[in-house]
Protein backbone atom coordinates (compact mmCIF):
# COMPACT_ATOMS: atom_id res chain seq x y z
CA MET A 1 0.12 -0.22 -0.23
CA PHE A 2 2.53 2.34 0.99
CA VAL A 3 5.82 1.52 -2.19
CA SER A 4 5.48 4.80 -3.42
CA TRP A 5 6.39 6.42 -0.47
CA ARG A 6 9.30 7.88 -1.65
CA LYS A 7 7.52 9.28 -5.29
CA LYS A 8 4.39 10.22 -3.76
CA LEU A 9 5.24 12.53 -0.44
CA GLY A 10 4.96 16.41 -0.55
CA PHE A 11 7.20 18.34 0.87
CA LEU A 12 6.41 21.94 2.93
CA THR A 13 9.34 23.40 5.34
CA THR A 14 8.26 26.28 6.61
CA LEU A 15 9.42 27.85 10.49
CA THR A 16 7.32 28.93 13.89
CA LEU A 17 8.93 32.49 12.85
CA LEU A 18 6.04 35.00 11.61
CA PHE A 19 6.90 38.77 10.85
CA SER A 20 4.62 41.78 10.38
CA SER A 21 4.98 45.37 10.46
CA VAL A 22 3.66 45.64 14.28
CA VAL A 23 7.13 47.38 15.85
CA LEU A 24 8.83 45.47 18.50
CA PRO A 25 10.17 46.22 21.44
CA ALA A 26 13.27 46.86 22.25
CA GLN A 27 14.48 43.40 23.69
CA ALA A 28 11.85 41.03 22.30
CA ALA A 29 11.30 37.93 23.66
CA SER A 30 13.48 34.95 21.42
CA ALA A 31 11.67 33.14 19.10
CA PRO A 32 11.53 29.46 19.61
CA ASN A 33 14.20 27.55 17.70
CA ILE A 34 11.24 25.05 16.26
CA ILE A 35 11.47 23.96 11.91
CA THR A 36 7.76 23.16 11.34
CA TYR A 37 7.11 20.43 8.33
CA GLN A 38 4.34 18.74 6.49
CA GLY A 39 4.44 15.74 4.80
CA ARG A 40 1.51 14.17 3.06
CA VAL A 41 1.99 10.05 2.53
CA LEU A 42 0.03 8.01 -0.99
CA ASN A 43 -1.08 5.50 -2.14
CA ALA A 44 0.37 3.66 -5.33
CA ASN A 45 -2.55 5.44 -6.94
CA GLY A 46 -1.51 9.38 -5.81
CA VAL A 47 -4.36 8.68 -3.07
CA PRO A 48 -3.72 10.21 0.35
CA VAL A 49 -3.93 6.67 3.13
CA SER A 50 -6.23 6.43 5.45
CA ASP A 51 -5.92 7.67 8.98
CA GLY A 52 -3.39 6.37 10.98
CA SER A 53 -0.17 6.80 12.60
CA LEU A 54 3.43 5.98 11.43
CA SER A 55 7.21 5.13 12.24
CA MET A 56 9.58 8.34 11.25
CA ILE A 57 13.14 9.36 11.91
CA PHE A 58 13.23 13.00 11.37
CA GLU A 59 17.38 13.74 11.19
CA LEU A 60 19.38 17.72 9.97
CA TYR A 61 22.93 16.51 7.81
CA THR A 62 25.60 19.14 6.51
CA ALA A 63 25.45 17.81 3.25
CA SER A 64 22.89 16.00 0.19
CA THR A 65 24.63 12.49 0.59
CA GLY A 66 26.35 11.30 2.76
CA GLY A 67 28.20 14.21 5.41
CA THR A 68 27.20 14.36 9.27
CA CYS A 69 24.43 14.35 10.77
CA VAL A 70 23.89 17.23 13.56
CA TRP A 71 20.39 16.50 15.08
CA SER A 72 17.48 13.96 15.18
CA ASN A 73 14.04 13.84 16.29
CA SER A 74 15.94 12.12 19.79
CA SER A 75 19.21 13.57 19.89
CA ALA A 76 20.61 16.96 19.82
CA THR A 77 23.31 16.05 18.96
CA CYS A 78 22.81 13.03 16.85
CA ALA A 79 24.03 10.65 19.21
CA THR A 80 20.78 9.10 18.96
CA ALA A 81 17.79 8.50 16.27
CA THR A 82 15.01 6.94 17.45
CA ALA A 83 11.20 7.19 15.62
CA ARG A 84 8.80 8.28 16.98
CA SER A 85 4.32 7.38 15.83
CA VAL A 86 3.43 10.32 13.74
CA THR A 87 -0.37 10.67 13.45
CA LEU A 88 -1.57 11.00 9.94
CA THR A 89 -5.20 12.41 8.95
CA THR A 90 -5.88 11.83 5.30
CA GLY A 91 -2.60 10.94 5.31
CA LEU A 92 -1.22 14.64 5.76
CA PHE A 93 0.82 14.92 8.45
CA THR A 94 2.58 17.95 10.39
CA GLU A 95 5.38 18.21 12.70
CA ASN A 96 7.16 20.08 14.49
CA LEU A 97 11.34 19.72 14.51
CA GLY A 98 13.17 21.01 17.93
CA ASP A 99 9.76 21.05 19.66
CA THR A 100 10.80 20.14 23.47
CA VAL A 101 6.82 20.42 24.26
CA ALA A 102 6.72 17.52 21.90
CA SER A 103 9.01 15.16 23.12
CA TYR A 104 11.60 16.33 20.36
CA ALA A 105 15.35 17.03 20.62
CA ALA A 106 15.74 21.18 20.96
CA ILE A 107 16.95 22.75 17.83
CA GLY A 108 20.62 24.13 19.06
CA ASP A 109 21.39 27.63 18.31
CA SER A 110 25.39 26.36 16.70
CA ILE A 111 22.92 24.17 14.57
CA PHE A 112 22.08 26.48 11.75
CA GLY A 113 24.77 28.74 13.51
CA ASP A 114 28.37 27.00 11.93
CA ASN A 115 27.07 24.91 9.01
CA ALA A 116 25.88 26.81 5.94
CA ALA A 117 24.30 23.98 4.72
CA LEU A 118 21.65 21.60 6.05
CA TYR A 119 19.42 18.63 4.24
CA LEU A 120 16.28 17.33 6.29
CA GLN A 121 16.17 13.09 6.39
CA VAL A 122 13.52 11.60 6.46
CA THR A 123 12.56 8.21 7.08
CA ILE A 124 9.64 6.14 7.19
CA ALA A 125 8.59 2.24 8.35
CA GLY A 126 12.68 2.16 8.08
CA GLU A 127 12.90 3.00 4.74
CA ALA A 128 15.03 6.53 4.53
CA LEU A 129 13.30 8.82 1.35
CA SER A 130 15.66 10.01 -0.76
CA PRO A 131 17.17 12.97 -1.89
CA ARG A 132 17.00 15.00 1.19
CA ARG A 133 15.35 18.04 0.91
CA GLN A 134 17.16 20.98 2.02
CA ILE A 135 17.00 23.23 4.48
CA THR A 136 16.78 27.09 2.78
CA ALA A 137 16.64 30.94 3.58
CA ALA A 138 13.48 30.86 6.27
CA PRO A 139 14.34 28.44 9.34
CA TYR A 140 17.65 29.91 8.64
CA ALA A 141 15.88 32.65 11.23
CA LEU A 142 17.04 31.04 13.77
CA ASN A 143 20.72 32.87 13.18
CA ALA A 144 19.73 36.21 12.98
CA ASP A 145 20.05 35.38 17.26
CA THR A 146 23.74 35.40 16.52
CA LEU A 147 26.17 37.97 14.85
CA ASP A 148 29.23 36.33 13.43
CA GLY A 149 28.29 33.23 15.05
CA ILE A 150 28.06 35.57 18.73
CA ASP A 151 24.64 34.21 20.58
CA SER A 152 23.21 37.40 21.57
CA ALA A 153 23.24 36.84 24.66
CA THR A 154 26.52 37.70 25.15
CA LEU A 155 26.27 41.19 23.14
CA GLN A 156 26.03 44.41 25.33
CA LEU A 157 23.18 46.74 25.08
CA PHE A 158 24.18 50.16 26.21
CA GLU A 159 21.30 52.55 26.41
CA THR A 160 21.42 56.57 27.84
CA GLY A 161 20.63 56.47 31.74
CA SER A 162 21.48 52.71 32.06
CA SER A 163 23.97 50.69 33.73
CA ARG A 164 25.83 47.91 32.04
CA THR A 165 27.84 44.93 32.88
CA PHE A 166 30.42 43.57 30.42
CA GLU A 167 31.68 40.40 30.91
CA ASP A 168 33.40 36.91 29.49
CA ASP A 169 34.75 34.22 30.82
CA ALA A 170 37.16 34.79 28.41
CA PRO A 171 40.14 37.16 27.20
CA VAL A 172 38.70 40.26 26.25
CA ILE A 173 41.22 40.81 22.81
CA ILE A 174 41.03 44.18 21.21
CA GLY A 175 42.62 44.83 17.96
CA SER A 176 46.66 43.14 17.68
CA ASN A 177 47.17 47.86 17.26
CA ALA A 178 43.70 48.75 18.10
CA ALA A 179 43.01 51.13 21.37
CA LEU A 180 40.81 51.25 24.02
CA THR A 181 40.18 54.76 24.11
CA TYR A 182 37.31 56.46 26.97
CA ALA A 183 36.43 59.52 25.16
CA SER A 184 37.69 63.28 27.08
CA GLY A 185 34.44 64.43 27.46
CA GLY A 186 32.89 61.79 28.92
CA VAL A 187 31.71 61.68 32.62
CA GLY A 188 32.50 59.57 35.05
CA ASP A 189 35.61 56.42 35.86
CA LEU A 190 36.32 53.69 34.36
CA ARG A 191 36.63 51.14 37.38
CA VAL A 192 38.11 48.24 37.83
CA GLU A 193 36.22 45.73 40.81
CA ASP A 194 39.39 43.38 41.10
CA GLU A 195 42.34 43.07 39.33
CA LEU A 196 43.90 45.67 36.75
CA GLU A 197 47.06 43.89 34.92
CA VAL A 198 49.02 44.81 31.83
CA MET A 199 51.41 43.66 30.32
CA GLY A 200 53.34 46.82 29.17
CA ASP A 201 53.90 49.80 29.43
CA GLY A 202 51.29 52.33 31.05
CA TYR A 203 51.67 55.60 30.40
CA ILE A 204 50.10 57.86 32.23
CA ASP A 205 49.61 61.97 30.81
CA ASN A 206 47.73 63.31 33.70
CA ASP A 207 47.61 62.12 37.56
CA LEU A 208 47.53 59.06 38.47
CA VAL A 209 45.84 58.80 42.24
CA ILE A 210 45.56 55.20 44.31
CA GLY A 211 42.40 54.95 46.49
CA ALA A 212 39.19 57.01 47.21
CA SER A 213 39.30 59.32 48.83
CA THR A 214 42.48 60.66 51.42
CA SER A 215 41.05 58.96 54.28
CA SER A 216 41.43 55.71 51.97
CA THR A 217 44.44 53.41 52.17
CA GLU A 218 45.91 51.79 49.57
CA THR A 219 48.71 49.32 48.80
CA ILE A 220 51.08 48.89 45.62
CA THR A 221 53.12 45.26 46.33
CA ASN A 222 55.35 43.05 44.28
CA ALA A 223 59.30 42.42 43.80
CA GLY A 224 59.87 46.25 43.07
CA PHE A 225 58.80 49.33 41.75
CA SER A 226 60.47 51.18 39.75
CA LEU A 227 59.87 55.25 39.02
CA SER A 228 61.52 56.65 36.11
CA GLY A 229 61.52 59.92 33.78
CA ASN A 230 59.62 61.78 36.33
CA ASP A 231 59.07 63.37 39.88
CA LEU A 232 56.57 60.59 42.51
CA PHE A 233 54.29 63.22 44.25
CA VAL A 234 52.00 62.51 47.36
CA ALA A 235 50.39 65.07 48.50
CA SER A 236 49.48 63.43 52.25
CA ASP A 237 50.93 60.49 54.24
CA LEU A 238 52.35 58.24 52.41
CA GLY A 239 53.29 55.04 55.01
CA VAL A 240 56.24 52.12 53.94
CA GLU A 241 56.18 49.46 55.69
CA GLY A 242 58.86 47.52 54.86
CA THR A 243 62.26 48.79 53.86
CA VAL A 244 62.80 52.49 52.26
CA TYR A 245 66.51 52.38 49.41
CA VAL A 246 67.37 55.48 48.12
CA ASP A 247 70.47 55.38 45.38
CA GLY A 248 70.46 58.57 44.85
CA GLY A 249 70.03 61.90 46.92
CA LEU A 250 66.84 61.87 50.05
CA ASP A 251 65.64 66.04 49.64
CA VAL A 252 63.03 66.46 51.79
CA VAL A 253 61.40 70.15 52.67
CA GLY A 254 60.02 70.28 56.02
CA THR A 255 60.09 67.35 59.24
CA ILE A 256 61.28 63.89 58.34
CA THR A 257 59.69 61.76 61.35
CA SER A 258 60.99 58.21 62.22
CA GLY A 259 61.57 55.50 63.62
CA ASP A 260 64.83 53.50 63.37
CA LEU A 261 66.69 55.51 60.50
CA SER A 262 69.43 53.54 58.52
CA CYS A 263 71.64 55.80 55.83
CA THR A 264 75.16 55.48 53.72
CA ASP A 265 76.07 58.96 52.96
CA CYS A 266 71.95 60.51 52.62
CA LEU A 267 71.88 63.16 55.22
CA ASP A 268 72.68 66.34 53.91
CA PHE A 269 71.99 69.42 55.20
CA THR A 270 73.92 72.30 51.91
CA GLU A 271 72.84 75.39 53.37
CA LEU A 272 73.55 76.96 56.91
CA SER A 273 70.89 78.36 57.61
CA ASP A 274 69.43 73.86 57.79
CA THR A 275 69.39 72.20 61.30
CA LEU A 276 69.13 68.85 62.13
CA ALA A 277 67.37 68.50 66.01
CA LEU A 278 67.44 66.09 68.73
CA ASP A 279 64.45 65.67 70.60
CA ALA A 280 64.94 64.49 74.54
CA SER A 281 64.12 61.44 73.26
CA THR A 282 66.28 60.83 70.24
CA SER A 283 69.62 58.98 69.42
CA ILE A 284 71.99 58.52 66.74
CA ALA A 285 73.75 55.17 67.29
CA MET A 286 76.57 54.56 65.34
CA ASP A 287 77.77 50.43 65.69
CA GLY A 288 80.92 48.83 65.55
CA THR A 289 83.67 50.91 63.31
CA GLU A 290 81.27 54.09 62.05
CA ILE A 291 82.30 57.17 62.10
CA PHE A 292 79.70 59.95 62.55
CA THR A 293 81.20 63.05 60.16
CA ILE A 294 80.15 66.89 60.38
CA THR A 295 82.64 68.28 56.75
CA ASN A 296 82.83 71.63 55.26
CA GLY A 297 81.56 71.12 51.76
CA SER A 298 83.04 73.37 50.29
CA SER A 299 87.06 72.78 50.97
CA GLY A 300 86.08 68.76 51.80
CA ASN A 301 87.67 69.44 55.70
CA THR A 302 86.05 67.64 58.11
CA ILE A 303 84.66 70.23 60.70
CA VAL A 304 83.81 67.68 62.97
CA ASN A 305 84.43 63.54 63.53
CA LEU A 306 82.54 61.54 66.55
CA THR A 307 84.06 57.79 66.44
CA SER A 308 82.56 55.23 67.67
CA THR A 309 85.30 54.54 70.41
CA GLY A 310 83.65 58.05 71.55
CA ASP A 311 86.40 60.38 70.54
CA LEU A 312 85.53 63.98 69.40
CA GLU A 313 87.60 65.81 66.99
CA VAL A 314 86.44 69.58 66.64
CA GLN A 315 89.34 70.69 63.21
CA ASP A 316 88.95 74.35 61.77
CA GLY A 317 91.30 74.79 58.27
CA GLY A 318 92.36 71.19 59.10
CA SER A 319 93.87 71.57 61.93
CA THR A 320 92.32 69.71 64.73
CA PHE A 321 91.32 71.75 68.40
CA VAL A 322 90.55 69.18 70.45
């Protein structure tokens, strides 16, 4: 009765997407990934078969013959291809491929996004119909949910007066020679809530402010912090928990208040009005063979020489008085 299926089966494929002139909201609900497939089974005389049901398998392949199966009615990855019972009414049947409510495997977003051509293979009562039918334009509207293969759920929307979060589990790369520019007329901050890692050099034309307010405490930690080319200006207090090494001179305008201060050739009083004041609880301690010497900056002659043994020498023009 059904010997002429391959010759007498009608094909019609449509997509469950409707287009009209109605203006949709900016963020309309996503269309379901469902393809409505309709066919009719005729007998050898071209007459529709009686009402009943037949077992059928629906599969999507990447080629008209051979190729790779990427979806079946029982598996979203075509891991299995199990027949399902399809009801016929005067030979006509309508199936919504991908409708999970009707126990179809879901059609993933990548099916149409990753494959340039797809072909529908229909098997009725164990017999695969030939040729396969190519899925044409309408179902590929499912790919409108992606942009060059990127799902719309991962794209950022920017609206005036609204806040948006840019989030990605993988690295975000902005071209090999491109720049990320924060408009000079923009108002607001560019904030990084976690670590900001700069693999190359960082250039700042204006001020670098560390800390959200004058009362906040911020920390720079690493094996070393290097500054070259200009001055490091600290408007308020600078706290150092470790050791400060100064290769050149240390120029201070004002007062140095500290605990233990250890330095070699670092106290340089170049003006007569400069003074070194020790309060009642402060002392200068020298260990080993260290010598505390005051010299004349222009002549190089020693003025006061205090040795580690306690001897005090006072000189004038190279002559020792004490």
